[in-house]
Amino acid sequence: MDRPLTDLAGERLVRKAPNQILALDSADRDYIRAGLTAVEAAFAVAARPDIPIELMPGRTLMRLLVDLRAQLTPATPEQSEAWGRLSGAILLLDTACAFATEHALAMRRRAEAEDPEQEE
């Protein structure tokens, strides 16, 4: 098999992430940045994006994190710790994505309930 196996769980995370900028808490952004910085230091690869995280759509940021996790294989304790922080950043972003999706659905339902003419 010449083709690499697809990380189906990672691909699912990317596809369900909204393709819009997420309102991440500053602590969440700092956690993600710290994880990317740890990956850069441990693996000697460029991990941080060229644009600020707060300007990246959720799907783009998730793609960055998932692809990094799939490409890296930890060989030292320092690398294992950085890789684990990357996994933590993915889980944090997944939670933020789920919240944003549910919030958007709730706002849509509220708007539909307030404007019955829109349903006709």
PDB file of N, CA and C in Angstrom:
ATOM      1  N   MET A   1       0.838  -1.185   0.000  1.00  0.00           N
ATOM      2  CA  MET A   1       0.000   0.000   0.000  1.00  0.00           C
ATOM      3  C   MET A   1       0.878   1.241   0.000  1.00  0.00           C
ATOM      4  N   ASP A   2       0.821   1.987  -1.058  1.00  0.00           N
ATOM      5  CA  ASP A   2       1.621   3.204  -1.170  1.00  0.00           C
ATOM      6  C   ASP A   2       0.938   4.412  -0.545  1.00  0.00           C
ATOM      7  N   ARG A   3      -0.373   4.388  -0.469  1.00  0.00           N
ATOM      8  CA  ARG A   3      -1.106   5.528   0.082  1.00  0.00           C
ATOM      9  C   ARG A   3      -1.113   5.461   1.599  1.00  0.00           C
ATOM     10  N   PRO A   4      -0.945   6.620   2.259  1.00  0.00           N
ATOM     11  CA  PRO A   4      -1.024   6.608   3.725  1.00  0.00           C
ATOM     12  C   PRO A   4      -2.464   6.403   4.182  1.00  0.00           C
ATOM     13  N   LEU A   5      -2.613   5.757   5.317  1.00  0.00           N
ATOM     14  CA  LEU A   5      -3.944   5.560   5.875  1.00  0.00           C
ATOM     15  C   LEU A   5      -4.492   6.903   6.351  1.00  0.00           C
ATOM     16  N   THR A   6      -5.755   7.100   6.137  1.00  0.00           N
ATOM     17  CA  THR A   6      -6.398   8.335   6.567  1.00  0.00           C
ATOM     18  C   THR A   6      -6.798   8.217   8.028  1.00  0.00           C
ATOM     19  N   ASP A   7      -6.520   9.257   8.784  1.00  0.00           N
ATOM     20  CA  ASP A   7      -6.942   9.323  10.178  1.00  0.00           C
ATOM     21  C   ASP A   7      -8.421   9.705  10.173  1.00  0.00           C
ATOM     22  N   LEU A   8      -9.291   8.701  10.223  1.00  0.00           N
ATOM     23  CA  LEU A   8     -10.722   8.959  10.100  1.00  0.00           C
ATOM     24  C   LEU A   8     -11.257   9.789  11.256  1.00  0.00           C
ATOM     25  N   ALA A   9     -10.774   9.535  12.466  1.00  0.00           N
ATOM     26  CA  ALA A   9     -11.227  10.320  13.614  1.00  0.00           C
ATOM     27  C   ALA A   9     -10.806  11.777  13.452  1.00  0.00           C
ATOM     28  N   GLY A  10      -9.573  12.001  13.008  1.00  0.00           N
ATOM     29  CA  GLY A  10      -9.095  13.357  12.780  1.00  0.00           C
ATOM     30  C   GLY A  10      -9.865  14.051  11.669  1.00  0.00           C
ATOM     31  N   GLU A  11     -10.145  13.309  10.611  1.00  0.00           N
ATOM     32  CA  GLU A  11     -10.901  13.882   9.493  1.00  0.00           C
ATOM     33  C   GLU A  11     -12.313  14.256   9.932  1.00  0.00           C
ATOM     34  N   ARG A  12     -12.904  13.448  10.782  1.00  0.00           N
ATOM     35  CA  ARG A  12     -14.238  13.752  11.314  1.00  0.00           C
ATOM     36  C   ARG A  12     -14.203  15.043  12.132  1.00  0.00           C
ATOM     37  N   LEU A  13     -13.170  15.211  12.947  1.00  0.00           N
ATOM     38  CA  LEU A  13     -13.032  16.432  13.746  1.00  0.00           C
ATOM     39  C   LEU A  13     -12.929  17.657  12.847  1.00  0.00           C
ATOM     40  N   VAL A  14     -12.165  17.529  11.769  1.00  0.00           N
ATOM     41  CA  VAL A  14     -12.001  18.662  10.843  1.00  0.00           C
ATOM     42  C   VAL A  14     -13.323  18.993  10.163  1.00  0.00           C
ATOM     43  N   ARG A  15     -14.029  17.980   9.688  1.00  0.00           N
ATOM     44  CA  ARG A  15     -15.270  18.213   8.948  1.00  0.00           C
ATOM     45  C   ARG A  15     -16.390  18.773   9.810  1.00  0.00           C
ATOM     46  N   LYS A  16     -16.413  18.428  11.098  1.00  0.00           N
ATOM     47  CA  LYS A  16     -17.489  18.952  11.937  1.00  0.00           C
ATOM     48  C   LYS A  16     -17.154  20.326  12.530  1.00  0.00           C
ATOM     49  N   ALA A  17     -15.923  20.768  12.389  1.00  0.00           N
ATOM     50  CA  ALA A  17     -15.549  22.104  12.873  1.00  0.00           C
ATOM     51  C   ALA A  17     -16.165  23.163  11.954  1.00  0.00           C
ATOM     52  N   PRO A  18     -16.713  24.225  12.531  1.00  0.00           N
ATOM     53  CA  PRO A  18     -17.316  25.262  11.693  1.00  0.00           C
ATOM     54  C   PRO A  18     -16.252  26.016  10.895  1.00  0.00           C
ATOM     55  N   ASN A  19     -16.626  26.392   9.703  1.00  0.00           N
ATOM     56  CA  ASN A  19     -15.695  27.112   8.832  1.00  0.00           C
ATOM     57  C   ASN A  19     -15.841  28.618   9.056  1.00  0.00           C
ATOM     58  N   GLN A  20     -15.761  29.001  10.312  1.00  0.00           N
ATOM     59  CA  GLN A  20     -15.844  30.417  10.693  1.00  0.00           C
ATOM     60  C   GLN A  20     -14.916  30.643  11.868  1.00  0.00           C
ATOM     61  N   ILE A  21     -14.611  31.881  12.113  1.00  0.00           N
ATOM     62  CA  ILE A  21     -13.747  32.224  13.238  1.00  0.00           C
ATOM     63  C   ILE A  21     -14.507  31.959  14.531  1.00  0.00           C
ATOM     64  N   LEU A  22     -13.856  31.283  15.469  1.00  0.00           N
ATOM     65  CA  LEU A  22     -14.478  30.950  16.743  1.00  0.00           C
ATOM     66  C   LEU A  22     -14.102  31.993  17.791  1.00  0.00           C
ATOM     67  N   ALA A  23     -15.026  32.266  18.673  1.00  0.00           N
ATOM     68  CA  ALA A  23     -14.770  33.191  19.776  1.00  0.00           C
ATOM     69  C   ALA A  23     -14.129  32.407  20.918  1.00  0.00           C
ATOM     70  N   LEU A  24     -12.852  32.114  20.779  1.00  0.00           N
ATOM     71  CA  LEU A  24     -12.141  31.363  21.809  1.00  0.00           C
ATOM     72  C   LEU A  24     -11.773  32.279  22.967  1.00  0.00           C
ATOM     73  N   ASP A  25     -11.870  31.764  24.157  1.00  0.00           N
ATOM     74  CA  ASP A  25     -11.428  32.474  25.351  1.00  0.00           C
ATOM     75  C   ASP A  25      -9.915  32.675  25.249  1.00  0.00           C
ATOM     76  N   SER A  26      -9.409  33.730  25.858  1.00  0.00           N
ATOM     77  CA  SER A  26      -7.967  33.996  25.768  1.00  0.00           C
ATOM     78  C   SER A  26      -7.152  32.857  26.376  1.00  0.00           C
ATOM     79  N   ALA A  27      -7.655  32.222  27.434  1.00  0.00           N
ATOM     80  CA  ALA A  27      -6.940  31.088  28.029  1.00  0.00           C
ATOM     81  C   ALA A  27      -6.889  29.909  27.053  1.00  0.00           C
ATOM     82  N   ASP A  28      -7.958  29.709  26.274  1.00  0.00           N
ATOM     83  CA  ASP A  28      -7.976  28.638  25.285  1.00  0.00           C
ATOM     84  C   ASP A  28      -6.972  28.921  24.167  1.00  0.00           C
ATOM     85  N   ARG A  29      -6.943  30.160  23.698  1.00  0.00           N
ATOM     86  CA  ARG A  29      -5.969  30.529  22.659  1.00  0.00           C
ATOM     87  C   ARG A  29      -4.546  30.340  23.173  1.00  0.00           C
ATOM     88  N   ASP A  30      -4.305  30.747  24.419  1.00  0.00           N
ATOM     89  CA  ASP A  30      -2.972  30.594  25.007  1.00  0.00           C
ATOM     90  C   ASP A  30      -2.590  29.125  25.125  1.00  0.00           C
ATOM     91  N   TYR A  31      -3.544  28.271  25.485  1.00  0.00           N
ATOM     92  CA  TYR A  31      -3.283  26.841  25.605  1.00  0.00           C
ATOM     93  C   TYR A  31      -2.899  26.247  24.248  1.00  0.00           C
ATOM     94  N   ILE A  32      -3.626  26.628  23.214  1.00  0.00           N
ATOM     95  CA  ILE A  32      -3.330  26.124  21.867  1.00  0.00           C
ATOM     96  C   ILE A  32      -1.965  26.623  21.410  1.00  0.00           C
ATOM     97  N   ARG A  33      -1.688  27.915  21.621  1.00  0.00           N
ATOM     98  CA  ARG A  33      -0.378  28.469  21.253  1.00  0.00           C
ATOM     99  C   ARG A  33       0.752  27.762  22.000  1.00  0.00           C
ATOM    100  N   ALA A  34       0.559  27.521  23.292  1.00  0.00           N
ATOM    101  CA  ALA A  34       1.586  26.847  24.092  1.00  0.00           C
ATOM    102  C   ALA A  34       1.823  25.424  23.579  1.00  0.00           C
ATOM    103  N   GLY A  35       0.766  24.747  23.179  1.00  0.00           N
ATOM    104  CA  GLY A  35       0.917  23.414  22.616  1.00  0.00           C
ATOM    105  C   GLY A  35       1.709  23.428  21.320  1.00  0.00           C
ATOM    106  N   LEU A  36       1.414  24.399  20.458  1.00  0.00           N
ATOM    107  CA  LEU A  36       2.151  24.512  19.200  1.00  0.00           C
ATOM    108  C   LEU A  36       3.610  24.889  19.439  1.00  0.00           C
ATOM    109  N   THR A  37       3.855  25.756  20.411  1.00  0.00           N
ATOM    110  CA  THR A  37       5.223  26.138  20.754  1.00  0.00           C
ATOM    111  C   THR A  37       5.988  24.938  21.298  1.00  0.00           C
ATOM    112  N   ALA A  38       5.339  24.125  22.129  1.00  0.00           N
ATOM    113  CA  ALA A  38       5.971  22.913  22.664  1.00  0.00           C
ATOM    114  C   ALA A  38       6.310  21.938  21.546  1.00  0.00           C
ATOM    115  N   VAL A  39       5.432  21.807  20.563  1.00  0.00           N
ATOM    116  CA  VAL A  39       5.692  20.927  19.421  1.00  0.00           C
ATOM    117  C   VAL A  39       6.894  21.439  18.634  1.00  0.00           C
ATOM    118  N   GLU A  40       6.955  22.748  18.410  1.00  0.00           N
ATOM    119  CA  GLU A  40       8.097  23.316  17.695  1.00  0.00           C
ATOM    120  C   GLU A  40       9.404  23.032  18.423  1.00  0.00           C
ATOM    121  N   ALA A  41       9.396  23.217  19.738  1.00  0.00           N
ATOM    122  CA  ALA A  41      10.619  23.016  20.513  1.00  0.00           C
ATOM    123  C   ALA A  41      11.029  21.554  20.566  1.00  0.00           C
ATOM    124  N   ALA A  42      10.069  20.659  20.737  1.00  0.00           N
ATOM    125  CA  ALA A  42      10.381  19.237  20.909  1.00  0.00           C
ATOM    126  C   ALA A  42      10.720  18.533  19.598  1.00  0.00           C
ATOM    127  N   PHE A  43      10.037  18.901  18.528  1.00  0.00           N
ATOM    128  CA  PHE A  43      10.209  18.198  17.262  1.00  0.00           C
ATOM    129  C   PHE A  43      11.042  18.964  16.240  1.00  0.00           C
ATOM    130  N   ALA A  44      11.370  20.208  16.536  1.00  0.00           N
ATOM    131  CA  ALA A  44      12.139  21.058  15.616  1.00  0.00           C
ATOM    132  C   ALA A  44      11.437  21.181  14.258  1.00  0.00           C
ATOM    133  N   VAL A  45      10.135  21.438  14.303  1.00  0.00           N
ATOM    134  CA  VAL A  45       9.342  21.678  13.097  1.00  0.00           C
ATOM    135  C   VAL A  45       8.587  22.985  13.278  1.00  0.00           C
ATOM    136  N   ALA A  46       8.216  23.600  12.184  1.00  0.00           N
ATOM    137  CA  ALA A  46       7.399  24.812  12.241  1.00  0.00           C
ATOM    138  C   ALA A  46       5.952  24.384  12.482  1.00  0.00           C
ATOM    139  N   ALA A  47       5.407  24.766  13.627  1.00  0.00           N
ATOM    140  CA  ALA A  47       4.044  24.353  13.971  1.00  0.00           C
ATOM    141  C   ALA A  47       3.091  25.533  14.078  1.00  0.00           C
ATOM    142  N   ARG A  48       3.596  26.692  14.476  1.00  0.00           N
ATOM    143  CA  ARG A  48       2.718  27.851  14.648  1.00  0.00           C
ATOM    144  C   ARG A  48       2.362  28.452  13.293  1.00  0.00           C
ATOM    145  N   PRO A  49       1.099  28.817  13.109  1.00  0.00           N
ATOM    146  CA  PRO A  49       0.682  29.400  11.824  1.00  0.00           C
ATOM    147  C   PRO A  49       1.229  30.813  11.656  1.00  0.00           C
ATOM    148  N   ASP A  50       1.247  31.275  10.420  1.00  0.00           N
ATOM    149  CA  ASP A  50       1.735  32.620  10.115  1.00  0.00           C
ATOM    150  C   ASP A  50       0.750  33.705  10.527  1.00  0.00           C
ATOM    151  N   ILE A  51      -0.512  33.345  10.655  1.00  0.00           N
ATOM    152  CA  ILE A  51      -1.519  34.323  11.064  1.00  0.00           C
ATOM    153  C   ILE A  51      -1.950  34.035  12.494  1.00  0.00           C
ATOM    154  N   PRO A  52      -2.462  35.034  13.194  1.00  0.00           N
ATOM    155  CA  PRO A  52      -2.892  34.799  14.577  1.00  0.00           C
ATOM    156  C   PRO A  52      -4.021  33.771  14.653  1.00  0.00           C
ATOM    157  N   ILE A  53      -4.007  32.976  15.710  1.00  0.00           N
ATOM    158  CA  ILE A  53      -5.016  31.933  15.900  1.00  0.00           C
ATOM    159  C   ILE A  53      -6.417  32.516  15.938  1.00  0.00           C
ATOM    160  N   GLU A  54      -6.561  33.701  16.520  1.00  0.00           N
ATOM    161  CA  GLU A  54      -7.894  34.296  16.642  1.00  0.00           C
ATOM    162  C   GLU A  54      -8.486  34.717  15.295  1.00  0.00           C
ATOM    163  N   LEU A  55      -7.676  34.718  14.234  1.00  0.00           N
ATOM    164  CA  LEU A  55      -8.172  35.055  12.896  1.00  0.00           C
ATOM    165  C   LEU A  55      -8.392  33.828  12.016  1.00  0.00           C
ATOM    166  N   MET A  56      -8.109  32.648  12.555  1.00  0.00           N
ATOM    167  CA  MET A  56      -8.259  31.418  11.778  1.00  0.00           C
ATOM    168  C   MET A  56      -9.645  30.816  11.977  1.00  0.00           C
ATOM    169  N   PRO A  57     -10.296  30.393  10.892  1.00  0.00           N
ATOM    170  CA  PRO A  57     -11.557  29.661  11.058  1.00  0.00           C
ATOM    171  C   PRO A  57     -11.313  28.370  11.838  1.00  0.00           C
ATOM    172  N   GLY A  58     -12.321  27.907  12.543  1.00  0.00           N
ATOM    173  CA  GLY A  58     -12.204  26.704  13.350  1.00  0.00           C
ATOM    174  C   GLY A  58     -11.735  25.503  12.552  1.00  0.00           C
ATOM    175  N   ARG A  59     -12.251  25.351  11.353  1.00  0.00           N
ATOM    176  CA  ARG A  59     -11.889  24.206  10.517  1.00  0.00           C
ATOM    177  C   ARG A  59     -10.410  24.251  10.117  1.00  0.00           C
ATOM    178  N   THR A  60      -9.923  25.426   9.807  1.00  0.00           N
ATOM    179  CA  THR A  60      -8.523  25.579   9.420  1.00  0.00           C
ATOM    180  C   THR A  60      -7.596  25.272  10.590  1.00  0.00           C
ATOM    181  N   LEU A  61      -7.950  25.776  11.763  1.00  0.00           N
ATOM    182  CA  LEU A  61      -7.147  25.520  12.952  1.00  0.00           C
ATOM    183  C   LEU A  61      -7.180  24.033  13.316  1.00  0.00           C
ATOM    184  N   MET A  62      -8.342  23.418  13.207  1.00  0.00           N
ATOM    185  CA  MET A  62      -8.448  21.988  13.502  1.00  0.00           C
ATOM    186  C   MET A  62      -7.611  21.186  12.509  1.00  0.00           C
ATOM    187  N   ARG A  63      -7.630  21.566  11.244  1.00  0.00           N
ATOM    188  CA  ARG A  63      -6.833  20.864  10.229  1.00  0.00           C
ATOM    189  C   ARG A  63      -5.350  20.948  10.583  1.00  0.00           C
ATOM    190  N   LEU A  64      -4.890  22.113  11.006  1.00  0.00           N
ATOM    191  CA  LEU A  64      -3.494  22.289  11.396  1.00  0.00           C
ATOM    192  C   LEU A  64      -3.127  21.339  12.541  1.00  0.00           C
ATOM    193  N   LEU A  65      -3.954  21.320  13.583  1.00  0.00           N
ATOM    194  CA  LEU A  65      -3.670  20.496  14.756  1.00  0.00           C
ATOM    195  C   LEU A  65      -3.727  19.004  14.438  1.00  0.00           C
ATOM    196  N   VAL A  66      -4.749  18.594  13.710  1.00  0.00           N
ATOM    197  CA  VAL A  66      -4.922  17.167  13.378  1.00  0.00           C
ATOM    198  C   VAL A  66      -3.793  16.688  12.467  1.00  0.00           C
ATOM    199  N   ASP A  67      -3.427  17.492  11.486  1.00  0.00           N
ATOM    200  CA  ASP A  67      -2.343  17.091  10.582  1.00  0.00           C
ATOM    201  C   ASP A  67      -1.010  16.990  11.323  1.00  0.00           C
ATOM    202  N   LEU A  68      -0.746  17.920  12.218  1.00  0.00           N
ATOM    203  CA  LEU A  68       0.481  17.845  13.011  1.00  0.00           C
ATOM    204  C   LEU A  68       0.508  16.565  13.840  1.00  0.00           C
ATOM    205  N   ARG A  69      -0.592  16.269  14.512  1.00  0.00           N
ATOM    206  CA  ARG A  69      -0.658  15.071  15.349  1.00  0.00           C
ATOM    207  C   ARG A  69      -0.435  13.813  14.516  1.00  0.00           C
ATOM    208  N   ALA A  70      -0.992  13.781  13.312  1.00  0.00           N
ATOM    209  CA  ALA A  70      -0.865  12.601  12.461  1.00  0.00           C
ATOM    210  C   ALA A  70       0.557  12.446  11.903  1.00  0.00           C
ATOM    211  N   GLN A  71       1.245  13.545  11.670  1.00  0.00           N
ATOM    212  CA  GLN A  71       2.575  13.493  11.052  1.00  0.00           C
ATOM    213  C   GLN A  71       3.697  13.214  12.043  1.00  0.00           C
ATOM    214  N   LEU A  72       3.481  13.514  13.312  1.00  0.00           N
ATOM    215  CA  LEU A  72       4.550  13.405  14.294  1.00  0.00           C
ATOM    216  C   LEU A  72       4.466  12.089  15.063  1.00  0.00           C
ATOM    217  N   THR A  73       5.616  11.514  15.332  1.00  0.00           N
ATOM    218  CA  THR A  73       5.715  10.315  16.156  1.00  0.00           C
ATOM    219  C   THR A  73       6.710  10.607  17.268  1.00  0.00           C
ATOM    220  N   PRO A  74       6.247  10.652  18.506  1.00  0.00           N
ATOM    221  CA  PRO A  74       7.155  10.974  19.603  1.00  0.00           C
ATOM    222  C   PRO A  74       8.180   9.867  19.847  1.00  0.00           C
ATOM    223  N   ALA A  75       9.426  10.287  20.089  1.00  0.00           N
ATOM    224  CA  ALA A  75      10.502   9.329  20.351  1.00  0.00           C
ATOM    225  C   ALA A  75      11.177   9.589  21.692  1.00  0.00           C
ATOM    226  N   THR A  76      10.945  10.753  22.275  1.00  0.00           N
ATOM    227  CA  THR A  76      11.553  11.099  23.557  1.00  0.00           C
ATOM    228  C   THR A  76      10.450  11.508  24.530  1.00  0.00           C
ATOM    229  N   PRO A  77      10.749  11.543  25.812  1.00  0.00           N
ATOM    230  CA  PRO A  77       9.741  12.012  26.772  1.00  0.00           C
ATOM    231  C   PRO A  77       9.271  13.443  26.499  1.00  0.00           C
ATOM    232  N   GLU A  78      10.186  14.307  26.083  1.00  0.00           N
ATOM    233  CA  GLU A  78       9.818  15.689  25.755  1.00  0.00           C
ATOM    234  C   GLU A  78       8.851  15.726  24.566  1.00  0.00           C
ATOM    235  N   GLN A  79       9.122  14.902  23.569  1.00  0.00           N
ATOM    236  CA  GLN A  79       8.241  14.835  22.412  1.00  0.00           C
ATOM    237  C   GLN A  79       6.891  14.247  22.791  1.00  0.00           C
ATOM    238  N   SER A  80       6.883  13.259  23.666  1.00  0.00           N
ATOM    239  CA  SER A  80       5.614  12.668  24.113  1.00  0.00           C
ATOM    240  C   SER A  80       4.762  13.701  24.848  1.00  0.00           C
ATOM    241  N   GLU A  81       5.408  14.512  25.663  1.00  0.00           N
ATOM    242  CA  GLU A  81       4.676  15.563  26.383  1.00  0.00           C
ATOM    243  C   GLU A  81       4.103  16.591  25.410  1.00  0.00           C
ATOM    244  N   ALA A  82       4.896  17.021  24.433  1.00  0.00           N
ATOM    245  CA  ALA A  82       4.425  17.993  23.444  1.00  0.00           C
ATOM    246  C   ALA A  82       3.294  17.409  22.605  1.00  0.00           C
ATOM    247  N   TRP A  83       3.418  16.141  22.229  1.00  0.00           N
ATOM    248  CA  TRP A  83       2.391  15.481  21.434  1.00  0.00           C
ATOM    249  C   TRP A  83       1.095  15.382  22.233  1.00  0.00           C
ATOM    250  N   GLY A  84       1.219  15.105  23.525  1.00  0.00           N
ATOM    251  CA  GLY A  84       0.047  15.063  24.403  1.00  0.00           C
ATOM    252  C   GLY A  84      -0.617  16.424  24.532  1.00  0.00           C
ATOM    253  N   ARG A  85       0.185  17.482  24.599  1.00  0.00           N
ATOM    254  CA  ARG A  85      -0.383  18.831  24.662  1.00  0.00           C
ATOM    255  C   ARG A  85      -1.119  19.160  23.364  1.00  0.00           C
ATOM    256  N   LEU A  86      -0.594  18.659  22.265  1.00  0.00           N
ATOM    257  CA  LEU A  86      -1.259  18.859  20.978  1.00  0.00           C
ATOM    258  C   LEU A  86      -2.618  18.152  20.979  1.00  0.00           C
ATOM    259  N   SER A  87      -2.664  16.953  21.514  1.00  0.00           N
ATOM    260  CA  SER A  87      -3.939  16.229  21.623  1.00  0.00           C
ATOM    261  C   SER A  87      -4.906  16.978  22.526  1.00  0.00           C
ATOM    262  N   GLY A  88      -4.391  17.566  23.602  1.00  0.00           N
ATOM    263  CA  GLY A  88      -5.227  18.375  24.489  1.00  0.00           C
ATOM    264  C   GLY A  88      -5.786  19.597  23.774  1.00  0.00           C
ATOM    265  N   ALA A  89      -4.973  20.216  22.934  1.00  0.00           N
ATOM    266  CA  ALA A  89      -5.431  21.379  22.167  1.00  0.00           C
ATOM    267  C   ALA A  89      -6.538  20.977  21.196  1.00  0.00           C
ATOM    268  N   ILE A  90      -6.426  19.787  20.614  1.00  0.00           N
ATOM    269  CA  ILE A  90      -7.456  19.291  19.700  1.00  0.00           C
ATOM    270  C   ILE A  90      -8.772  19.090  20.455  1.00  0.00           C
ATOM    271  N   LEU A  91      -8.702  18.494  21.623  1.00  0.00           N
ATOM    272  CA  LEU A  91      -9.918  18.280  22.420  1.00  0.00           C
ATOM    273  C   LEU A  91     -10.546  19.613  22.840  1.00  0.00           C
ATOM    274  N   LEU A  92      -9.716  20.556  23.233  1.00  0.00           N
ATOM    275  CA  LEU A  92     -10.219  21.869  23.620  1.00  0.00           C
ATOM    276  C   LEU A  92     -10.922  22.542  22.436  1.00  0.00           C
ATOM    277  N   LEU A  93     -10.282  22.499  21.269  1.00  0.00           N
ATOM    278  CA  LEU A  93     -10.874  23.113  20.082  1.00  0.00           C
ATOM    279  C   LEU A  93     -12.153  22.382  19.675  1.00  0.00           C
ATOM    280  N   ASP A  94     -12.187  21.070  19.813  1.00  0.00           N
ATOM    281  CA  ASP A  94     -13.400  20.309  19.498  1.00  0.00           C
ATOM    282  C   ASP A  94     -14.551  20.741  20.402  1.00  0.00           C
ATOM    283  N   THR A  95     -14.268  20.968  21.666  1.00  0.00           N
ATOM    284  CA  THR A  95     -15.298  21.438  22.598  1.00  0.00           C
ATOM    285  C   THR A  95     -15.798  22.821  22.195  1.00  0.00           C
ATOM    286  N   ALA A  96     -14.885  23.705  21.831  1.00  0.00           N
ATOM    287  CA  ALA A  96     -15.276  25.048  21.393  1.00  0.00           C
ATOM    288  C   ALA A  96     -16.105  24.987  20.111  1.00  0.00           C
ATOM    289  N   CYS A  97     -15.750  24.080  19.210  1.00  0.00           N
ATOM    290  CA  CYS A  97     -16.508  23.909  17.966  1.00  0.00           C
ATOM    291  C   CYS A  97     -17.921  23.409  18.257  1.00  0.00           C
ATOM    292  N   ALA A  98     -18.032  22.444  19.155  1.00  0.00           N
ATOM    293  CA  ALA A  98     -19.353  21.910  19.512  1.00  0.00           C
ATOM    294  C   ALA A  98     -20.210  23.004  20.143  1.00  0.00           C
ATOM    295  N   PHE A  99     -19.618  23.799  21.012  1.00  0.00           N
ATOM    296  CA  PHE A  99     -20.350  24.891  21.639  1.00  0.00           C
ATOM    297  C   PHE A  99     -20.814  25.897  20.597  1.00  0.00           C
ATOM    298  N   ALA A 100     -19.941  26.273  19.672  1.00  0.00           N
ATOM    299  CA  ALA A 100     -20.296  27.247  18.638  1.00  0.00           C
ATOM    300  C   ALA A 100     -21.428  26.721  17.758  1.00  0.00           C
ATOM    301  N   THR A 101     -21.385  25.443  17.419  1.00  0.00           N
ATOM    302  CA  THR A 101     -22.425  24.839  16.590  1.00  0.00           C
ATOM    303  C   THR A 101     -23.766  24.831  17.322  1.00  0.00           C
ATOM    304  N   GLU A 102     -23.758  24.407  18.581  1.00  0.00           N
ATOM    305  CA  GLU A 102     -24.989  24.375  19.370  1.00  0.00           C
ATOM    306  C   GLU A 102     -25.541  25.784  19.590  1.00  0.00           C
ATOM    307  N   HIS A 103     -24.660  26.739  19.809  1.00  0.00           N
ATOM    308  CA  HIS A 103     -25.093  28.126  20.005  1.00  0.00           C
ATOM    309  C   HIS A 103     -25.759  28.667  18.733  1.00  0.00           C
ATOM    310  N   ALA A 104     -25.177  28.369  17.583  1.00  0.00           N
ATOM    311  CA  ALA A 104     -25.754  28.821  16.319  1.00  0.00           C
ATOM    312  C   ALA A 104     -27.128  28.191  16.093  1.00  0.00           C
ATOM    313  N   LEU A 105     -27.274  26.912  16.419  1.00  0.00           N
ATOM    314  CA  LEU A 105     -28.575  26.248  16.275  1.00  0.00           C
ATOM    315  C   LEU A 105     -29.610  26.865  17.213  1.00  0.00           C
ATOM    316  N   ALA A 106     -29.206  27.144  18.450  1.00  0.00           N
ATOM    317  CA  ALA A 106     -30.125  27.754  19.406  1.00  0.00           C
ATOM    318  C   ALA A 106     -30.562  29.134  18.940  1.00  0.00           C
ATOM    319  N   MET A 107     -29.641  29.906  18.398  1.00  0.00           N
ATOM    320  CA  MET A 107     -29.990  31.244  17.894  1.00  0.00           C
ATOM    321  C   MET A 107     -30.949  31.145  16.707  1.00  0.00           C
ATOM    322  N   ARG A 108     -30.733  30.158  15.845  1.00  0.00           N
ATOM    323  CA  ARG A 108     -31.619  29.964  14.694  1.00  0.00           C
ATOM    324  C   ARG A 108     -33.019  29.573  15.157  1.00  0.00           C
ATOM    325  N   ARG A 109     -33.099  28.652  16.130  1.00  0.00           N
ATOM    326  CA  ARG A 109     -34.404  28.245  16.667  1.00  0.00           C
ATOM    327  C   ARG A 109     -35.121  29.420  17.320  1.00  0.00           C
ATOM    328  N   ARG A 110     -34.385  30.233  18.062  1.00  0.00           N
ATOM    329  CA  ARG A 110     -34.974  31.399  18.718  1.00  0.00           C
ATOM    330  C   ARG A 110     -35.509  32.383  17.684  1.00  0.00           C
ATOM    331  N   ALA A 111     -34.745  32.601  16.616  1.00  0.00           N
ATOM    332  CA  ALA A 111     -35.188  33.520  15.570  1.00  0.00           C
ATOM    333  C   ALA A 111     -36.437  32.984  14.876  1.00  0.00           C
ATOM    334  N   GLU A 112     -36.487  31.681  14.639  1.00  0.00           N
ATOM    335  CA  GLU A 112     -37.658  31.087  14.004  1.00  0.00           C
ATOM    336  C   GLU A 112     -38.882  31.179  14.912  1.00  0.00           C
ATOM    337  N   ALA A 113     -38.691  31.020  16.213  1.00  0.00           N
ATOM    338  CA  ALA A 113     -39.810  31.098  17.159  1.00  0.00           C
ATOM    339  C   ALA A 113     -40.342  32.522  17.275  1.00  0.00           C
ATOM    340  N   GLU A 114     -39.482  33.503  17.133  1.00  0.00           N
ATOM    341  CA  GLU A 114     -39.900  34.904  17.246  1.00  0.00           C
ATOM    342  C   GLU A 114     -40.529  35.427  15.970  1.00  0.00           C
ATOM    343  N   ASP A 115     -40.227  34.811  14.841  1.00  0.00           N
ATOM    344  CA  ASP A 115     -40.736  35.285  13.549  1.00  0.00           C
ATOM    345  C   ASP A 115     -41.459  34.140  12.842  1.00  0.00           C
ATOM    346  N   PRO A 116     -42.745  33.896  13.182  1.00  0.00           N
ATOM    347  CA  PRO A 116     -43.470  32.778  12.579  1.00  0.00           C
ATOM    348  C   PRO A 116     -43.701  32.939  11.073  1.00  0.00           C
ATOM    349  N   GLU A 117     -43.668  34.160  10.555  1.00  0.00           N
ATOM    350  CA  GLU A 117     -43.878  34.389   9.125  1.00  0.00           C
ATOM    351  C   GLU A 117     -42.726  33.783   8.297  1.00  0.00           C
ATOM    352  N   GLN A 118     -41.565  33.660   8.893  1.00  0.00           N
ATOM    353  CA  GLN A 118     -40.413  33.136   8.186  1.00  0.00           C
ATOM    354  C   GLN A 118     -40.594  31.665   7.822  1.00  0.00           C
ATOM    355  N   GLU A 119     -41.383  30.927   8.590  1.00  0.00           N
ATOM    356  CA  GLU A 119     -41.602  29.500   8.335  1.00  0.00           C
ATOM    357  C   GLU A 119     -42.532  29.276   7.141  1.00  0.00           C
ATOM    358  N   GLU A 120     -43.392  30.225   6.817  1.00  0.00           N
ATOM    359  CA  GLU A 120     -44.367  30.030   5.732  1.00  0.00           C
ATOM    360  C   GLU A 120     -43.790  30.173   4.373  1.00  0.00           C
TER     361      GLU A 120
END
